């Protein structure tokens, strides 16, 4: 019975810059826009710096909330589709239809939480001091969701430009280009018309770059009001 109630208006957009504001407004005061297919980059511009987040099937782009807008630091959001993308509008009418099916709301909440956790991982990756390690960790972080297994490794069939990767890990494009060149020379990552290829395993990559496997990294000490927790 939940499936008929969970129907929603959908729309498709071509690759390139997207004007999602009118669609986000159309979903308010509902849940927002649900990505059904395709790959979308959400850019956030604060002052003179831009970060990027890769979104795909199952991710939710929530409506604008003027009450939560930062009173001092402005943030401009820009969206670009890397490939044809399809959205569902989860507006207030959708919310009314599924109100008697709490499992649908629970699933949407899990997807919002998944996006938040993913942002936490990428933020921690961007905090790594070495750019080559940042790039390796980011690419392997994207692999389970976006990658395709092939002999000897994984292929990421996405147009991940050097500029986009830089936006995701907090680096300038020329530095990313040089770092990817070093990774290619080491036989770890290569690129062709089919996408980017990860050769071997994450453990092998980190071992080559740092001499340590993922579980051998130093544990961070977090300040907790004058005491440190390991």
Protein backbone atom coordinates (compact mmCIF):
# COMPACT_ATOMS: atom_id res chain seq x y z
CA UNK A 1 0.00 0.00 0.00
CA UNK A 2 2.92 2.36 0.57
CA UNK A 3 4.08 2.30 -3.06
CA UNK A 4 1.03 4.09 -4.58
CA UNK A 5 1.15 6.71 -1.83
CA UNK A 6 4.84 7.36 -2.43
CA UNK A 7 4.37 8.68 -5.97
CA UNK A 8 5.86 12.10 -6.62
CA UNK A 9 6.32 14.58 -9.44
CA UNK A 10 9.62 14.02 -11.25
CA UNK A 11 11.68 16.07 -13.68
CA UNK A 12 14.86 15.58 -15.68
CA UNK A 13 17.70 17.99 -16.44
CA UNK A 14 20.60 17.83 -18.88
CA UNK A 15 24.29 17.99 -17.92
CA UNK A 16 25.59 21.44 -17.08
CA UNK A 17 24.77 24.14 -14.57
CA UNK A 18 21.38 23.67 -12.94
CA UNK A 19 18.84 26.19 -11.71
CA UNK A 20 17.44 24.25 -8.76
CA UNK A 21 16.17 27.15 -6.67
CA UNK A 22 12.71 27.17 -8.22
CA UNK A 23 12.46 23.41 -7.76
CA UNK A 24 13.65 23.65 -4.15
CA UNK A 25 11.04 26.33 -3.55
CA UNK A 26 8.41 24.06 -5.13
CA UNK A 27 9.28 21.35 -2.61
CA UNK A 28 8.92 23.68 0.40
CA UNK A 29 7.72 23.10 3.08
CA UNK A 30 8.23 19.45 2.24
CA UNK A 31 11.34 17.28 2.38
CA UNK A 32 13.08 18.63 -0.72
CA UNK A 33 14.42 17.14 -3.95
CA UNK A 34 15.34 13.45 -4.11
CA UNK A 35 17.98 12.49 -6.67
CA UNK A 36 16.64 9.47 -8.58
CA UNK A 37 19.42 9.07 -11.13
CA UNK A 38 22.59 10.79 -12.30
CA UNK A 39 25.43 12.68 -10.66
CA UNK A 40 25.19 16.24 -9.35
CA UNK A 41 27.86 18.47 -7.83
CA UNK A 42 26.78 20.97 -5.19
CA UNK A 43 29.25 23.86 -4.92
CA UNK A 44 29.23 26.06 -1.84
CA UNK A 45 30.90 29.46 -2.15
CA UNK A 46 31.92 31.28 1.04
CA UNK A 47 33.88 34.53 0.59
CA UNK A 48 36.54 33.64 -2.02
CA UNK A 49 36.64 29.86 -1.63
CA UNK A 50 34.47 27.10 -3.11
CA UNK A 51 33.94 23.54 -1.90
CA UNK A 52 32.20 20.74 -3.78
CA UNK A 53 30.04 17.79 -2.79
CA UNK A 54 29.16 14.91 -5.12
CA UNK A 55 25.51 13.83 -4.94
CA UNK A 56 23.77 10.88 -6.56
CA UNK A 57 20.86 8.50 -6.38
CA UNK A 58 19.16 8.59 -3.00
CA UNK A 59 20.55 11.94 -1.86
CA UNK A 60 18.15 14.63 -0.68
CA UNK A 61 18.59 18.34 -1.43
CA UNK A 62 16.55 20.11 1.22
CA UNK A 63 14.52 23.31 0.65
CA UNK A 64 15.87 26.71 1.58
CA UNK A 65 15.34 27.61 5.22
CA UNK A 66 15.61 31.36 5.71
CA UNK A 67 15.39 30.97 9.49
CA UNK A 68 18.65 28.99 9.50
CA UNK A 69 20.53 31.38 7.22
CA UNK A 70 23.82 32.60 8.72
CA UNK A 71 23.37 36.20 9.84
CA UNK A 72 26.96 37.18 9.01
CA UNK A 73 28.65 34.69 6.66
CA UNK A 74 26.82 34.20 3.37
CA UNK A 75 26.98 30.95 1.43
CA UNK A 76 26.01 30.67 -2.24
CA UNK A 77 25.01 27.25 -3.56
CA UNK A 78 25.55 26.30 -7.21
CA UNK A 79 24.63 22.96 -8.80
CA UNK A 80 26.06 21.27 -11.86
CA UNK A 81 25.00 17.94 -13.37
CA UNK A 82 27.86 15.72 -14.55
CA UNK A 83 25.40 13.58 -16.53
CA UNK A 84 21.64 13.56 -17.17
CA UNK A 85 19.90 13.70 -13.81
CA UNK A 86 16.39 12.97 -12.60
CA UNK A 87 14.75 14.35 -9.45
CA UNK A 88 11.57 13.73 -7.48
CA UNK A 89 9.83 16.65 -5.78
CA UNK A 90 9.02 15.63 -2.21
CA UNK A 91 6.65 18.49 -1.47
CA UNK A 92 4.01 18.92 1.23
CA UNK A 93 1.48 16.96 -0.85
CA UNK A 94 3.91 14.02 -0.92
CA UNK A 95 4.37 14.34 2.85
CA UNK A 96 0.59 14.23 3.34
CA UNK A 97 0.27 11.09 1.19
CA UNK A 98 2.95 9.15 3.07
CA UNK A 99 2.04 10.39 6.54
CA UNK A 100 0.46 7.04 7.43
CA UNK A 101 3.58 5.15 6.29
CA UNK A 102 6.28 6.10 8.82
CA UNK A 103 8.78 3.73 7.21
CA UNK A 104 9.00 6.10 4.23
CA UNK A 105 9.83 9.05 6.45
CA UNK A 106 12.35 6.93 8.34
CA UNK A 107 14.08 5.98 5.09
CA UNK A 108 14.28 9.60 3.94
CA UNK A 109 15.75 10.55 7.32
CA UNK A 110 18.39 7.82 6.93
CA UNK A 111 19.34 9.25 3.55
CA UNK A 112 19.72 12.74 4.99
CA UNK A 113 21.87 11.28 7.77
CA UNK A 114 23.96 9.34 5.23
CA UNK A 115 24.71 12.55 3.38
CA UNK A 116 25.75 14.21 6.65
CA UNK A 117 28.07 11.31 7.51
CA UNK A 118 29.56 11.42 4.03
CA UNK A 119 30.34 15.11 4.50
CA UNK A 120 32.09 14.29 7.78
CA UNK A 121 34.28 11.72 6.04
CA UNK A 122 35.21 14.09 3.22
CA UNK A 123 35.95 16.86 5.72
CA UNK A 124 38.33 14.54 7.59
CA UNK A 125 39.96 13.55 4.30
CA UNK A 126 40.47 17.22 3.41
CA UNK A 127 42.28 17.68 6.75
CA UNK A 128 45.05 15.27 5.74
CA UNK A 129 48.30 17.24 5.35
CA UNK A 130 49.50 15.43 2.20
CA UNK A 131 47.58 16.11 -0.99
CA UNK A 132 48.40 12.74 -2.58
CA UNK A 133 46.97 10.98 0.48
CA UNK A 134 43.88 13.21 0.33
CA UNK A 135 43.27 12.28 -3.29
CA UNK A 136 43.78 8.57 -2.72
CA UNK A 137 41.42 8.54 0.26
CA UNK A 138 38.80 10.55 -1.63
CA UNK A 139 38.87 8.31 -4.70
CA UNK A 140 38.60 5.16 -2.60
CA UNK A 141 35.81 6.78 -0.58
CA UNK A 142 33.89 7.31 -3.83
CA UNK A 143 34.63 3.81 -5.13
CA UNK A 144 31.93 1.76 -3.30
CA UNK A 145 29.16 4.02 -4.53
CA UNK A 146 30.38 5.10 -7.94
CA UNK A 147 33.03 2.57 -8.95
CA UNK A 148 32.96 -0.53 -11.11
CA UNK A 149 35.18 -3.48 -10.33
CA UNK A 150 37.63 -4.41 -13.07
CA UNK A 151 40.67 -6.68 -13.22
CA UNK A 152 43.34 -5.24 -10.96
CA UNK A 153 41.25 -2.55 -9.31
CA UNK A 154 38.26 -0.24 -9.66
CA UNK A 155 37.17 2.22 -12.34
CA UNK A 156 35.36 5.47 -11.52
CA UNK A 157 33.41 6.33 -14.71
CA UNK A 158 32.78 9.94 -13.70
CA UNK A 159 34.17 13.16 -15.22
CA UNK A 160 36.13 14.03 -12.09
CA UNK A 161 38.14 16.99 -13.33
CA UNK A 162 41.23 18.18 -11.52
CA UNK A 163 39.36 21.33 -10.53
CA UNK A 164 36.44 19.33 -9.07
CA UNK A 165 38.77 17.06 -7.10
CA UNK A 166 40.53 20.13 -5.79
CA UNK A 167 37.24 21.64 -4.62
CA UNK A 168 36.48 18.41 -2.75
CA UNK A 169 39.81 18.14 -0.92
CA UNK A 170 40.69 21.82 -0.47
CA UNK A 171 43.46 22.19 -3.05
CA UNK A 172 44.17 24.29 -6.14
CA UNK A 173 43.89 22.67 -9.56
CA UNK A 174 47.61 22.88 -10.49
CA UNK A 175 48.54 21.13 -7.24
CA UNK A 176 45.98 18.40 -7.94
CA UNK A 177 47.40 17.93 -11.44
CA UNK A 178 50.91 17.48 -10.07
CA UNK A 179 49.74 15.10 -7.33
CA UNK A 180 47.79 12.96 -9.80
CA UNK A 181 50.87 12.85 -11.99
CA UNK A 182 52.87 11.44 -9.08
CA UNK A 183 50.16 8.87 -8.37
CA UNK A 184 50.16 7.83 -12.02
CA UNK A 185 53.95 7.54 -12.06
CA UNK A 186 53.71 5.27 -9.01
CA UNK A 187 51.20 3.06 -10.83
CA UNK A 188 48.41 3.80 -8.34
CA UNK A 189 45.91 5.90 -10.32
CA UNK A 190 45.51 6.38 -14.05
CA UNK A 191 43.04 8.20 -16.27
CA UNK A 192 41.61 7.65 -19.75
CA UNK A 193 38.39 8.29 -21.65
CA UNK A 194 36.65 5.66 -19.50
CA UNK A 195 37.28 7.51 -16.26
CA UNK A 196 39.80 7.21 -13.48
CA UNK A 197 41.29 3.84 -12.56
CA UNK A 198 42.41 2.76 -9.09
CA UNK A 199 45.00 0.00 -9.39
CA UNK A 200 45.45 -2.39 -6.50
CA UNK A 201 43.92 -1.69 -3.09
CA UNK A 202 43.65 1.21 -0.66
CA UNK A 203 46.05 -0.58 1.69
CA UNK A 204 48.63 -0.83 -1.09
CA UNK A 205 48.19 2.83 -2.00
CA UNK A 206 48.63 4.08 1.56
CA UNK A 207 51.51 1.70 2.10
CA UNK A 208 53.27 3.10 -0.96
CA UNK A 209 52.65 6.72 0.02
CA UNK A 210 53.10 6.60 3.79
CA UNK A 211 54.47 3.20 4.71
CA UNK A 212 51.36 2.57 6.83
CA UNK A 213 48.07 0.78 6.27
CA UNK A 214 44.74 2.49 7.13
CA UNK A 215 44.54 0.87 10.59
CA UNK A 216 48.11 1.92 11.41
CA UNK A 217 47.44 5.65 11.17
CA UNK A 218 48.00 7.72 14.27
CA UNK A 219 44.89 8.15 16.42
CA UNK A 220 43.82 11.76 16.82
CA UNK A 221 43.69 13.36 20.26
CA UNK A 222 40.55 15.44 20.63
CA UNK A 223 40.33 18.26 23.16
CA UNK A 224 37.48 17.70 25.62
CA UNK A 225 37.56 20.66 27.95
CA UNK A 226 41.18 20.37 29.02
CA UNK A 227 41.41 16.58 28.83
CA UNK A 228 42.44 14.53 25.82
CA UNK A 229 40.58 11.49 24.57
CA UNK A 230 42.23 8.92 22.36
